[in-house]
C-alpha atoms as a PDB file:
ATOM      1  CA  MET A   1     102.297  85.838  81.938  1.00  0.00           C
ATOM      2  CA  GLN A   2     102.945  89.034  83.857  1.00  0.00           C
ATOM      3  CA  HIS A   3     104.223  88.736  87.431  1.00  0.00           C
ATOM      4  CA  VAL A   4     102.517  90.818  90.085  1.00  0.00           C
ATOM      5  CA  LYS A   5     104.244  91.804  93.319  1.00  0.00           C
ATOM      6  CA  ILE A   6     101.983  91.900  96.357  1.00  0.00           C
ATOM      7  CA  ASP A   7     102.806  92.683  99.974  1.00  0.00           C
ATOM      8  CA  ILE A   8     102.827  89.654 102.254  1.00  0.00           C
ATOM      9  CA  GLU A   9     100.337  90.182 105.065  1.00  0.00           C
ATOM     10  CA  ASP A  10      98.094  87.981 107.182  1.00  0.00           C
ATOM     11  CA  VAL A  11      95.120  88.622 104.849  1.00  0.00           C
ATOM     12  CA  LEU A  12      94.872  87.528 101.226  1.00  0.00           C
ATOM     13  CA  ASP A  13      91.869  88.855  99.303  1.00  0.00           C
ATOM     14  CA  LEU A  14      91.285  86.749  96.205  1.00  0.00           C
ATOM     15  CA  HIS A  15      88.714  89.096  94.647  1.00  0.00           C
ATOM     16  CA  THR A  16      91.330  90.773  92.443  1.00  0.00           C
ATOM     17  CA  PHE A  17      92.729  87.533  91.005  1.00  0.00           C
ATOM     18  CA  LYS A  18      91.518  85.280  88.228  1.00  0.00           C
ATOM     19  CA  PRO A  19      90.238  81.899  89.505  1.00  0.00           C
ATOM     20  CA  GLU A  20      92.788  80.035  87.364  1.00  0.00           C
ATOM     21  CA  ASP A  21      95.620  81.920  89.117  1.00  0.00           C
ATOM     22  CA  VAL A  22      94.492  80.978  92.632  1.00  0.00           C
ATOM     23  CA  PRO A  23      96.238  77.572  93.006  1.00  0.00           C
ATOM     24  CA  ASP A  24      99.734  78.909  92.239  1.00  0.00           C
ATOM     25  CA  LEU A  25      99.062  82.169  94.064  1.00  0.00           C
ATOM     26  CA  LEU A  26      97.921  80.390  97.210  1.00  0.00           C
ATOM     27  CA  GLU A  27     100.900  78.034  97.237  1.00  0.00           C
ATOM     28  CA  ASP A  28     103.368  80.892  96.742  1.00  0.00           C
ATOM     29  CA  TYR A  29     101.614  83.107  99.296  1.00  0.00           C
ATOM     30  CA  ILE A  30     101.694  80.390 101.962  1.00  0.00           C
ATOM     31  CA  PHE A  31     105.402  79.867 101.322  1.00  0.00           C
ATOM     32  CA  GLU A  32     106.083  83.606 101.622  1.00  0.00           C
ATOM     33  CA  CYS A  33     103.975  83.895 104.797  1.00  0.00           C
ATOM     34  CA  ILE A  34     106.028  81.194 106.489  1.00  0.00           C
ATOM     35  CA  ARG A  35     109.236  82.796 105.256  1.00  0.00           C
ATOM     36  CA  SER A  36     108.058  86.116 106.729  1.00  0.00           C
ATOM     37  CA  GLY A  37     107.097  84.584 110.079  1.00  0.00           C
ATOM     38  CA  ILE A  38     103.340  84.775 109.491  1.00  0.00           C
ATOM     39  CA  PHE A  39     101.627  81.588 110.645  1.00  0.00           C
ATOM     40  CA  SER A  40      98.009  82.745 110.985  1.00  0.00           C
ATOM     41  CA  MET A  41      96.225  84.102 107.961  1.00  0.00           C
ATOM     42  CA  ARG A  42      92.788  84.879 106.591  1.00  0.00           C
ATOM     43  CA  ILE A  43      91.859  84.163 103.002  1.00  0.00           C
ATOM     44  CA  ILE A  44      88.929  86.157 101.639  1.00  0.00           C
ATOM     45  CA  HIS A  45      87.323  84.164  98.838  1.00  0.00           C
ATOM     46  CA  GLY A  46      83.853  85.726  98.923  1.00  0.00           C
ATOM     47  CA  LYS A  47      80.463  84.202  99.531  1.00  0.00           C
ATOM     48  CA  GLY A  48      78.810  83.805  96.143  1.00  0.00           C
ATOM     49  CA  LYS A  49      77.803  80.213  95.409  1.00  0.00           C
ATOM     50  CA  GLY A  50      80.696  78.761  97.410  1.00  0.00           C
ATOM     51  CA  ILE A  51      82.650  77.505  94.398  1.00  0.00           C
ATOM     52  CA  GLN A  52      85.796  79.536  95.148  1.00  0.00           C
ATOM     53  CA  LYS A  53      85.577  78.616  98.828  1.00  0.00           C
ATOM     54  CA  LYS A  54      85.486  74.894  97.996  1.00  0.00           C
ATOM     55  CA  ARG A  55      88.463  75.273  95.655  1.00  0.00           C
ATOM     56  CA  VAL A  56      90.462  77.194  98.252  1.00  0.00           C
ATOM     57  CA  GLN A  57      89.694  74.738 101.050  1.00  0.00           C
ATOM     58  CA  LYS A  58      90.600  71.778  98.836  1.00  0.00           C
ATOM     59  CA  LEU A  59      93.938  73.430  98.059  1.00  0.00           C
ATOM     60  CA  LEU A  60      94.498  74.079 101.773  1.00  0.00           C
ATOM     61  CA  LYS A  61      93.621  70.485 102.665  1.00  0.00           C
ATOM     62  CA  ASN A  62      96.232  69.209 100.208  1.00  0.00           C
ATOM     63  CA  ASN A  63      98.970  71.655 101.213  1.00  0.00           C
ATOM     64  CA  PRO A  64     101.496  70.064 103.615  1.00  0.00           C
ATOM     65  CA  LYS A  65     102.370  73.483 105.071  1.00  0.00           C
ATOM     66  CA  VAL A  66      98.826  73.978 106.418  1.00  0.00           C
ATOM     67  CA  GLU A  67      98.235  72.894 110.030  1.00  0.00           C
ATOM     68  CA  PHE A  68      94.459  73.458 109.901  1.00  0.00           C
ATOM     69  CA  PHE A  69      91.793  75.803 108.560  1.00  0.00           C
ATOM     70  CA  GLN A  70      88.232  76.788 109.414  1.00  0.00           C
ATOM     71  CA  ASP A  71      85.494  79.169 108.345  1.00  0.00           C
ATOM     72  CA  ALA A  72      86.007  82.662 109.680  1.00  0.00           C
ATOM     73  CA  PRO A  73      83.679  83.923 112.420  1.00  0.00           C
ATOM     74  CA  PRO A  74      80.976  86.407 111.315  1.00  0.00           C
ATOM     75  CA  GLU A  75      83.041  89.452 112.328  1.00  0.00           C
ATOM     76  CA  ALA A  76      85.933  88.277 110.104  1.00  0.00           C
ATOM     77  CA  GLY A  77      83.934  87.475 106.982  1.00  0.00           C
ATOM     78  CA  GLY A  78      81.902  84.431 107.990  1.00  0.00           C
ATOM     79  CA  TRP A  79      81.640  81.823 105.263  1.00  0.00           C
ATOM     80  CA  GLY A  80      83.165  84.340 102.817  1.00  0.00           C
ATOM     81  CA  ALA A  81      86.586  83.859 104.394  1.00  0.00           C
ATOM     82  CA  THR A  82      88.747  81.044 105.741  1.00  0.00           C
ATOM     83  CA  LEU A  83      91.144  81.244 108.688  1.00  0.00           C
ATOM     84  CA  VAL A  84      94.360  79.282 108.230  1.00  0.00           C
ATOM     85  CA  GLU A  85      97.075  78.169 110.636  1.00  0.00           C
ATOM     86  CA  LEU A  86     100.372  77.295 109.008  1.00  0.00           C
ATOM     87  CA  LYS A  87     102.914  74.805 110.297  1.00  0.00           C
ATOM     88  CA  ARG A  88     105.928  76.162 112.078  1.00  0.00           C
ATOM     89  CA  GLU A  89     108.780  74.249 110.550  1.00  0.00           C
ATOM     90  CA  SER A  90     111.713  73.625 112.830  1.00  0.00           C
END
């Protein structure tokens, strides 16, 4: 497996990644966001049939570093994106 370096920002667009890579990618990205002081993020999973969205939200629900998440408003991608608040660990 080849490692890919991506910049850590408050937006993660999953369109360029294989679906099977998303679970590990999401976990690592959340960790790096927290490490970089980013606690609000938007994940773009696309609209399609909603399969990727369901997978992403299930992963978020089971991640202890996630405070909460919700569908993005229309101007930020609507149901094609999810807004995430991460826990601030003290």
